[in-house]
Amino acid sequence: MKLARLLVLMRREALATLRDPFTVSILIAVPLVALLLFSSILSTSVEYLPMGVLDLDRSPASRRLVAGLAATRSFQPIALANRDQLDEMLRDGGLSLALVLPDGLDRGLRPDLGPAGPGRARPQVQVIYDGAETVLAGNAESFLGATMAATALGDAGVPAIVRASGASAGSGSVVRVVTRALFNPALDGKPYMVAGTFGFVLSFATTLIIAVSVVNERAAGTFEQLQVTPATNLEIVLGKVLPLGAVFSLDVILMMLAAGFLWGVWPAGSAVFFLLVSTFYQVVSLSLGLIISATSATAQEAVAKTVLLATPLIQLSGFALPIDNMAWAFRWFAEVIPATHYIRVSRAIYLRGEGPLDVAGELGVIVLMGAGLVALALRAVGRRA
């Protein structure tokens, strides 16, 4: 491989990319739009969720609790007159979450009366949610438990809750709300989705752009002309990958700045380390795009194959759905998807502030997968020579 030839190829690719306004707009707009949409639509945050409140105590303590829940902006309390109204709204779908504050709550929170015992019943706050809304119920319960544990209930040592998955609470089990949220105390879903969106953009957009670009060059005959020059397959591959990689590295910086200034989501770890990892990961995705282009006769075919790959990317890489919740066969398959390991590294840096040594195992997997895909891309380019 000669550096002079490689620089010529890189300059050719960069000029060809910059001369196409549509490609340039796609390279800049798609990452930013994906960041804005996914971080807002797929966020796991609970914001202004309507919550029915049946206050049977009507005491200063119960009113403080409801006011505290409303102040978090996670819930929008709706006062209910009686239990019949609560049951009716749950059955009709008017509410997905309800809170029942028992009579005697204020008395149970008064330390001057001594600890709860046979003569003083321990107050139980009842949370009722619609079990049909599984994800919403789980998120709402987590947020509610964390909020209540930080209120006077938690301080008084009586955060007992009866949980029920329907309009009837008779079959609920009593549990203590002891909550400690590490790395994301506010349980804000945006950092989680922002970190995952980098994996989606650098896996899908990079693969699509280079696959379509090479297929179009083949259709125009310019790629075949390139293959008959003295340039080696490695020089051709690097000449394609490196300029586009530089553009997507700029996209990573723009996405980081957008997430930081719009939502205050900055990497908890090193931003430089995150950029280096993201830049290397692009080689993996761009190599996959070259493989797709080698097996596609038209740009439409390349787009279709890339979109088909995007489905398992979204479903199995942990971008939107937790891998631990999947069946064992799908969890195993997720491990052979490069995006799975990059998203883990991305979230480790963004949420937990981890460094190179902490994610060395995942980085090793990405390097091995990258080497394998580059080798396949070289063979694919050589076969079409």
Protein backbone atom coordinates (compact mmCIF):
# COMPACT_ATOMS: atom_id res chain seq x y z
CA MET A 1 0.00 0.00 0.00
CA LYS A 2 1.36 3.42 -0.99
CA LEU A 3 0.39 6.50 0.96
CA ALA A 4 0.40 8.75 -2.12
CA ARG A 5 -2.17 6.59 -3.91
CA LEU A 6 -4.29 6.35 -0.78
CA LEU A 7 -4.33 10.13 -0.39
CA VAL A 8 -5.38 10.54 -4.01
CA LEU A 9 -8.24 8.06 -3.50
CA MET A 10 -9.35 9.79 -0.31
CA ARG A 11 -9.29 13.20 -2.01
CA ARG A 12 -11.33 11.78 -4.91
CA GLU A 13 -13.93 10.33 -2.53
CA ALA A 14 -14.16 13.51 -0.46
CA LEU A 15 -14.67 15.70 -3.52
CA ALA A 16 -17.28 13.32 -4.95
CA THR A 17 -19.18 13.39 -1.67
CA LEU A 18 -19.05 17.16 -1.24
CA ARG A 19 -20.19 17.77 -4.83
CA ASP A 20 -23.48 15.99 -4.14
CA PRO A 21 -25.76 18.32 -2.09
CA PHE A 22 -28.24 15.52 -1.38
CA THR A 23 -25.57 13.25 0.13
CA VAL A 24 -24.17 16.09 2.22
CA SER A 25 -27.61 16.98 3.55
CA ILE A 26 -28.29 13.34 4.39
CA LEU A 27 -24.97 13.01 6.18
CA ILE A 28 -25.76 15.98 8.40
CA ALA A 29 -29.55 15.84 8.77
CA VAL A 30 -30.15 12.12 9.40
CA PRO A 31 -27.99 11.85 12.58
CA LEU A 32 -29.47 15.01 14.10
CA VAL A 33 -33.06 14.10 13.23
CA ALA A 34 -32.57 10.58 14.62
CA LEU A 35 -31.18 12.02 17.84
CA LEU A 36 -34.11 14.40 18.25
CA LEU A 37 -36.79 11.83 17.42
CA PHE A 38 -35.52 8.78 19.28
CA SER A 39 -34.48 10.69 22.38
CA SER A 40 -37.95 12.22 22.62
CA ILE A 41 -40.30 9.51 21.32
CA LEU A 42 -38.58 6.44 22.78
CA SER A 43 -37.62 8.04 26.06
CA THR A 44 -38.33 5.95 29.15
CA SER A 45 -39.05 9.05 31.19
CA VAL A 46 -42.42 9.51 32.89
CA GLU A 47 -43.69 13.05 32.37
CA TYR A 48 -47.06 14.42 33.46
CA LEU A 49 -48.63 10.97 33.63
CA PRO A 50 -52.26 11.25 34.82
CA MET A 51 -52.51 9.61 38.25
CA GLY A 52 -55.74 9.20 40.14
CA VAL A 53 -55.45 10.02 43.85
CA LEU A 54 -57.98 8.77 46.39
CA ASP A 55 -57.10 10.60 49.60
CA LEU A 56 -58.94 8.91 52.45
CA ASP A 57 -56.85 10.68 55.08
CA ARG A 58 -57.31 14.31 53.94
CA SER A 59 -54.55 15.42 56.26
CA PRO A 60 -51.58 17.78 55.90
CA ALA A 61 -49.31 14.75 55.43
CA SER A 62 -51.36 13.35 52.55
CA ARG A 63 -51.60 16.75 50.89
CA ARG A 64 -47.82 17.22 51.18
CA LEU A 65 -47.27 13.84 49.57
CA VAL A 66 -49.55 14.64 46.61
CA ALA A 67 -47.96 18.07 46.20
CA GLY A 68 -44.52 16.48 46.23
CA LEU A 69 -45.49 14.03 43.50
CA ALA A 70 -46.93 16.85 41.38
CA ALA A 71 -43.79 18.95 41.86
CA THR A 72 -41.65 16.27 40.20
CA ARG A 73 -43.53 16.87 36.91
CA SER A 74 -43.59 13.09 36.46
CA PHE A 75 -47.23 12.79 37.55
CA GLN A 76 -50.38 14.83 37.17
CA PRO A 77 -52.54 14.03 40.23
CA ILE A 78 -56.29 13.82 39.65
CA ALA A 79 -58.42 13.92 42.81
CA LEU A 80 -60.98 11.09 43.05
CA ALA A 81 -64.11 11.21 45.17
CA ASN A 82 -64.42 7.55 46.10
CA ARG A 83 -63.31 4.01 45.34
CA ASP A 84 -66.11 3.44 42.85
CA GLN A 85 -64.86 6.31 40.70
CA LEU A 86 -61.31 4.94 40.87
CA ASP A 87 -62.40 1.45 39.77
CA GLU A 88 -64.53 2.81 36.96
CA MET A 89 -61.74 4.98 35.53
CA LEU A 90 -59.29 2.08 35.64
CA ARG A 91 -61.74 -0.24 33.88
CA ASP A 92 -62.55 2.35 31.21
CA GLY A 93 -58.91 3.14 30.51
CA GLY A 94 -59.21 6.69 31.78
CA LEU A 95 -56.33 6.02 34.18
CA SER A 96 -53.30 3.76 34.04
CA LEU A 97 -52.14 4.55 37.56
CA ALA A 98 -53.87 5.34 40.85
CA LEU A 99 -52.74 6.07 44.39
CA VAL A 100 -54.80 5.35 47.50
CA LEU A 101 -53.74 7.17 50.67
CA PRO A 102 -55.24 5.39 53.70
CA ASP A 103 -57.10 6.91 56.59
CA GLY A 104 -54.67 7.36 59.47
CA LEU A 105 -51.66 8.15 57.26
CA ASP A 106 -50.90 11.36 59.17
CA ARG A 107 -51.10 9.58 62.51
CA GLY A 108 -48.79 6.84 61.25
CA LEU A 109 -46.19 9.41 60.26
CA ARG A 110 -46.13 11.16 63.64
CA PRO A 111 -42.97 10.09 65.49
CA ASP A 112 -44.26 11.40 68.83
CA LEU A 113 -46.74 8.52 68.95
CA GLY A 114 -44.00 5.91 68.97
CA PRO A 115 -43.29 3.09 66.53
CA ALA A 116 -45.97 1.07 64.82
CA GLY A 117 -47.09 -1.92 66.82
CA PRO A 118 -50.16 -3.96 67.82
CA GLY A 119 -51.89 -0.82 69.01
CA ARG A 120 -50.80 1.36 66.12
CA ALA A 121 -51.28 0.03 62.61
CA ARG A 122 -48.57 0.64 60.05
CA PRO A 123 -50.04 2.78 57.22
CA GLN A 124 -50.01 1.24 53.75
CA VAL A 125 -50.12 3.38 50.64
CA GLN A 126 -51.73 1.52 47.78
CA VAL A 127 -50.54 1.83 44.18
CA ILE A 128 -52.87 0.44 41.52
CA TYR A 129 -51.85 0.28 37.89
CA ASP A 130 -53.27 -1.12 34.69
CA GLY A 131 -51.44 -4.39 34.02
CA ALA A 132 -52.33 -4.19 30.32
CA GLU A 133 -49.94 -1.24 29.99
CA THR A 134 -46.93 -3.29 31.04
CA VAL A 135 -44.05 -0.99 30.08
CA LEU A 136 -45.86 2.14 31.22
CA ALA A 137 -46.81 0.51 34.50
CA GLY A 138 -43.26 -0.62 35.16
CA ASN A 139 -41.79 2.80 34.45
CA ALA A 140 -44.49 4.57 36.46
CA GLU A 141 -44.04 2.26 39.43
CA SER A 142 -40.27 2.82 39.43
CA PHE A 143 -40.67 6.58 39.30
CA LEU A 144 -43.38 6.57 41.95
CA GLY A 145 -41.39 4.33 44.27
CA ALA A 146 -38.30 6.52 43.96
CA THR A 147 -40.30 9.69 44.58
CA MET A 148 -42.17 8.34 47.58
CA ALA A 149 -38.99 6.97 49.11
CA ALA A 150 -37.61 10.53 49.07
CA THR A 151 -40.67 12.03 50.76
CA ALA A 152 -41.81 12.06 54.36
CA LEU A 153 -42.97 8.45 53.92
CA GLY A 154 -39.44 7.25 53.36
CA ASP A 155 -38.04 9.42 56.10
CA ALA A 156 -40.57 8.08 58.58
CA GLY A 157 -39.74 4.48 57.72
CA VAL A 158 -43.24 3.61 56.51
CA PRO A 159 -42.95 3.34 52.73
CA ALA A 160 -45.12 0.23 52.63
CA ILE A 161 -47.04 -0.17 49.40
CA VAL A 162 -49.69 -2.62 48.30
CA ARG A 163 -49.34 -3.14 44.57
CA ALA A 164 -52.27 -4.31 42.50
CA SER A 165 -52.45 -4.98 38.75
CA GLY A 166 -56.11 -4.16 38.31
CA ALA A 167 -59.07 -2.43 39.84
CA SER A 168 -59.02 -4.77 42.83
CA ALA A 169 -56.16 -4.56 45.29
CA GLY A 170 -57.05 -7.59 47.38
CA SER A 171 -54.43 -9.84 45.81
CA GLY A 172 -51.54 -7.38 46.15
CA SER A 173 -48.37 -8.13 48.08
CA VAL A 174 -46.82 -5.81 50.64
CA VAL A 175 -43.30 -4.62 49.83
CA ARG A 176 -41.01 -1.94 51.17
CA VAL A 177 -39.98 0.83 48.82
CA VAL A 178 -36.21 1.07 49.22
CA THR A 179 -34.88 2.82 46.12
CA ARG A 180 -31.38 3.81 45.13
CA ALA A 181 -30.80 4.86 41.53
CA LEU A 182 -27.13 4.74 40.51
CA PHE A 183 -25.62 6.86 37.70
CA ASN A 184 -29.02 8.37 36.81
CA PRO A 185 -30.66 9.45 40.10
CA ALA A 186 -33.42 11.38 38.31
CA LEU A 187 -34.35 8.26 36.30
CA ASP A 188 -34.27 10.43 33.19
CA GLY A 189 -34.68 8.33 30.06
CA LYS A 190 -33.02 10.79 27.68
CA PRO A 191 -29.37 9.93 28.53
CA TYR A 192 -30.17 6.26 27.94
CA MET A 193 -31.72 6.92 24.53
CA VAL A 194 -29.12 9.52 23.50
CA ALA A 195 -26.30 7.05 24.09
CA GLY A 196 -28.18 4.34 22.18
CA THR A 197 -28.98 6.62 19.24
CA PHE A 198 -25.29 6.91 18.41
CA GLY A 199 -25.29 3.16 17.81
CA PHE A 200 -28.31 3.35 15.54
CA VAL A 201 -26.96 6.24 13.45
CA LEU A 202 -23.43 4.86 13.09
CA SER A 203 -24.77 1.42 12.18
CA PHE A 204 -27.64 2.26 9.84
CA ALA A 205 -26.79 5.59 8.19
CA THR A 206 -23.12 4.78 7.53
CA THR A 207 -23.96 1.39 6.02
CA LEU A 208 -26.70 2.86 3.83
CA ILE A 209 -24.65 5.80 2.54
CA ILE A 210 -21.60 3.81 1.44
CA ALA A 211 -23.64 0.92 0.01
CA VAL A 212 -25.69 3.23 -2.20
CA SER A 213 -22.64 5.30 -3.13
CA VAL A 214 -20.63 2.31 -4.36
CA VAL A 215 -23.59 0.76 -6.20
CA ASN A 216 -24.19 4.05 -8.03
CA GLU A 217 -20.49 4.19 -8.97
CA ARG A 218 -20.73 0.66 -10.33
CA ALA A 219 -23.74 1.64 -12.40
CA ALA A 220 -21.85 4.63 -13.80
CA GLY A 221 -18.73 2.53 -14.48
CA THR A 222 -16.42 4.68 -12.36
CA PHE A 223 -15.83 2.01 -9.74
CA GLU A 224 -14.65 -0.50 -12.37
CA GLN A 225 -12.29 2.14 -13.74
CA LEU A 226 -10.91 2.55 -10.24
CA GLN A 227 -10.32 -1.19 -9.94
CA VAL A 228 -8.14 -1.36 -13.06
CA THR A 229 -5.78 1.31 -11.71
CA PRO A 230 -2.62 0.28 -9.78
CA ALA A 231 -4.50 0.84 -6.52
CA THR A 232 -4.81 -2.27 -4.35
CA ASN A 233 -8.08 -3.51 -2.86
CA LEU A 234 -6.98 -2.26 0.57
CA GLU A 235 -6.27 1.20 -0.82
CA ILE A 236 -9.67 1.26 -2.52
CA VAL A 237 -11.45 0.21 0.65
CA LEU A 238 -9.59 2.73 2.83
CA GLY A 239 -10.08 5.43 0.20
CA LYS A 240 -13.84 4.89 0.54
CA VAL A 241 -14.01 4.36 4.28
CA LEU A 242 -11.74 7.07 5.69
CA PRO A 243 -13.34 10.18 4.09
CA LEU A 244 -16.86 9.06 5.03
CA GLY A 245 -15.57 8.14 8.47
CA ALA A 246 -14.29 11.69 8.89
CA VAL A 247 -17.71 13.08 7.96
CA PHE A 248 -19.51 10.81 10.43
CA SER A 249 -16.98 11.72 13.12
CA LEU A 250 -18.13 15.30 12.61
CA ASP A 251 -21.71 14.03 12.93
CA VAL A 252 -20.82 12.45 16.28
CA ILE A 253 -19.50 15.80 17.50
CA LEU A 254 -22.65 17.59 16.30
CA MET A 255 -24.87 15.01 18.02
CA MET A 256 -22.93 15.36 21.26
CA LEU A 257 -23.28 19.14 21.16
CA ALA A 258 -26.98 18.94 20.27
CA ALA A 259 -27.72 16.52 23.12
CA GLY A 260 -25.70 18.63 25.52
CA PHE A 261 -27.18 22.01 24.72
CA LEU A 262 -30.77 20.83 24.13
CA TRP A 263 -31.18 18.40 27.03
CA GLY A 264 -28.08 18.86 29.15
CA VAL A 265 -26.94 15.31 28.34
CA TRP A 266 -23.15 15.23 28.25
CA PRO A 267 -20.88 12.17 28.51
CA ALA A 268 -20.16 11.27 32.11
CA GLY A 269 -16.83 9.92 30.89
CA SER A 270 -14.26 11.22 28.44
CA ALA A 271 -15.77 12.83 25.34
CA VAL A 272 -12.46 12.31 23.48
CA PHE A 273 -12.47 8.59 24.28
CA PHE A 274 -16.09 8.34 23.15
CA LEU A 275 -15.22 10.07 19.86
CA LEU A 276 -12.27 7.72 19.28
CA VAL A 277 -14.40 4.63 19.91
CA SER A 278 -17.16 5.96 17.65
CA THR A 279 -14.68 6.75 14.88
CA PHE A 280 -13.27 3.23 14.97
CA TYR A 281 -16.73 1.69 15.06
CA GLN A 282 -17.56 3.47 11.81
CA VAL A 283 -14.97 1.29 10.06
CA VAL A 284 -17.07 -1.72 11.06
CA SER A 285 -20.30 -0.27 9.67
CA LEU A 286 -18.70 1.12 6.52
CA SER A 287 -17.12 -2.26 5.80
CA LEU A 288 -20.55 -3.85 6.11
CA GLY A 289 -21.84 -1.30 3.61
CA LEU A 290 -19.13 -2.32 1.12
CA ILE A 291 -20.16 -5.96 1.50
CA ILE A 292 -23.80 -5.06 0.83
CA SER A 293 -22.82 -3.03 -2.24
CA ALA A 294 -20.87 -5.96 -3.62
CA THR A 295 -23.97 -8.15 -3.48
CA SER A 296 -26.40 -5.54 -4.84
CA ALA A 297 -27.05 -4.79 -8.50
CA THR A 298 -29.00 -1.56 -7.95
CA ALA A 299 -29.24 1.20 -5.39
CA GLN A 300 -32.80 0.09 -4.57
CA GLU A 301 -31.53 -3.40 -3.73
CA ALA A 302 -28.81 -1.95 -1.50
CA VAL A 303 -31.37 0.19 0.34
CA ALA A 304 -33.69 -2.79 0.82
CA LYS A 305 -30.92 -4.97 2.24
CA THR A 306 -29.77 -2.21 4.59
CA VAL A 307 -33.31 -1.61 5.84
CA LEU A 308 -33.77 -5.35 6.44
CA LEU A 309 -30.61 -5.31 8.55
CA ALA A 310 -31.95 -2.34 10.51
CA THR A 311 -34.81 -4.39 11.97
CA PRO A 312 -32.63 -6.78 14.00
CA LEU A 313 -30.37 -3.83 14.78
CA ILE A 314 -33.20 -2.00 16.52
CA GLN A 315 -34.82 -5.04 18.08
CA LEU A 316 -31.80 -7.06 19.20
CA SER A 317 -28.92 -4.65 19.79
CA GLY A 318 -30.36 -3.22 23.01
CA PHE A 319 -31.00 0.15 21.38
CA ALA A 320 -34.65 0.30 22.48
CA LEU A 321 -35.36 -3.04 24.21
CA PRO A 322 -33.28 -4.53 27.07
CA ILE A 323 -31.39 -7.61 25.91
CA ASP A 324 -31.83 -9.27 29.31
CA ASN A 325 -35.59 -9.39 28.71
CA MET A 326 -35.21 -11.44 25.52
CA ALA A 327 -35.34 -15.22 25.14
CA TRP A 328 -31.95 -16.93 25.45
CA ALA A 329 -31.71 -17.64 21.70
CA PHE A 330 -32.15 -13.97 20.85
CA ARG A 331 -29.73 -12.93 23.59
CA TRP A 332 -27.13 -15.20 22.00
CA PHE A 333 -27.82 -13.79 18.52
CA ALA A 334 -27.54 -10.24 19.87
CA GLU A 335 -23.92 -10.94 20.83
CA VAL A 336 -22.92 -11.37 17.17
CA ILE A 337 -24.31 -7.94 16.23
CA PRO A 338 -21.52 -5.32 16.34
CA ALA A 339 -24.00 -2.60 17.32
CA THR A 340 -24.77 -4.48 20.56
CA HIS A 341 -21.22 -4.04 21.81
CA TYR A 342 -20.87 -0.46 20.61
CA ILE A 343 -24.12 0.57 22.32
CA ARG A 344 -22.90 -1.03 25.56
CA VAL A 345 -19.68 0.97 25.34
CA SER A 346 -21.58 4.13 24.43
CA ARG A 347 -23.87 3.84 27.45
CA ALA A 348 -20.98 2.89 29.71
CA ILE A 349 -19.19 6.11 28.78
CA TYR A 350 -22.28 8.34 28.71
CA LEU A 351 -24.06 7.06 31.83
CA ARG A 352 -21.41 5.51 34.06
CA GLY A 353 -18.30 7.46 33.04
CA GLU A 354 -16.26 4.32 32.38
CA GLY A 355 -12.84 4.40 30.76
CA PRO A 356 -10.85 2.15 28.39
CA LEU A 357 -9.98 -0.46 31.00
CA ASP A 358 -13.60 -0.78 32.11
CA VAL A 359 -14.85 -1.55 28.58
CA ALA A 360 -11.78 -3.38 27.30
CA GLY A 361 -13.73 -6.60 26.76
CA GLU A 362 -16.39 -4.95 24.60
CA LEU A 363 -13.74 -3.01 22.68
CA GLY A 364 -11.91 -6.26 21.98
CA VAL A 365 -15.06 -7.77 20.49
CA ILE A 366 -15.58 -4.69 18.30
CA VAL A 367 -11.97 -4.90 17.06
CA LEU A 368 -12.33 -8.59 16.17
CA MET A 369 -15.62 -8.00 14.38
CA GLY A 370 -14.15 -5.02 12.58
CA ALA A 371 -11.16 -7.05 11.39
CA GLY A 372 -13.47 -9.78 10.12
CA LEU A 373 -15.73 -7.35 8.25
CA VAL A 374 -12.77 -5.51 6.71
CA ALA A 375 -11.40 -8.83 5.45
CA LEU A 376 -14.79 -9.70 3.94
CA ALA A 377 -15.02 -6.24 2.37
CA LEU A 378 -11.59 -6.72 0.75
CA ARG A 379 -12.69 -10.06 -0.69
CA ALA A 380 -15.96 -8.54 -1.91
CA VAL A 381 -14.12 -5.73 -3.70
CA GLY A 382 -11.66 -8.24 -5.18
CA ARG A 383 -14.39 -10.51 -6.53
CA ARG A 384 -16.04 -7.64 -8.39
CA ALA A 385 -12.73 -6.51 -9.91
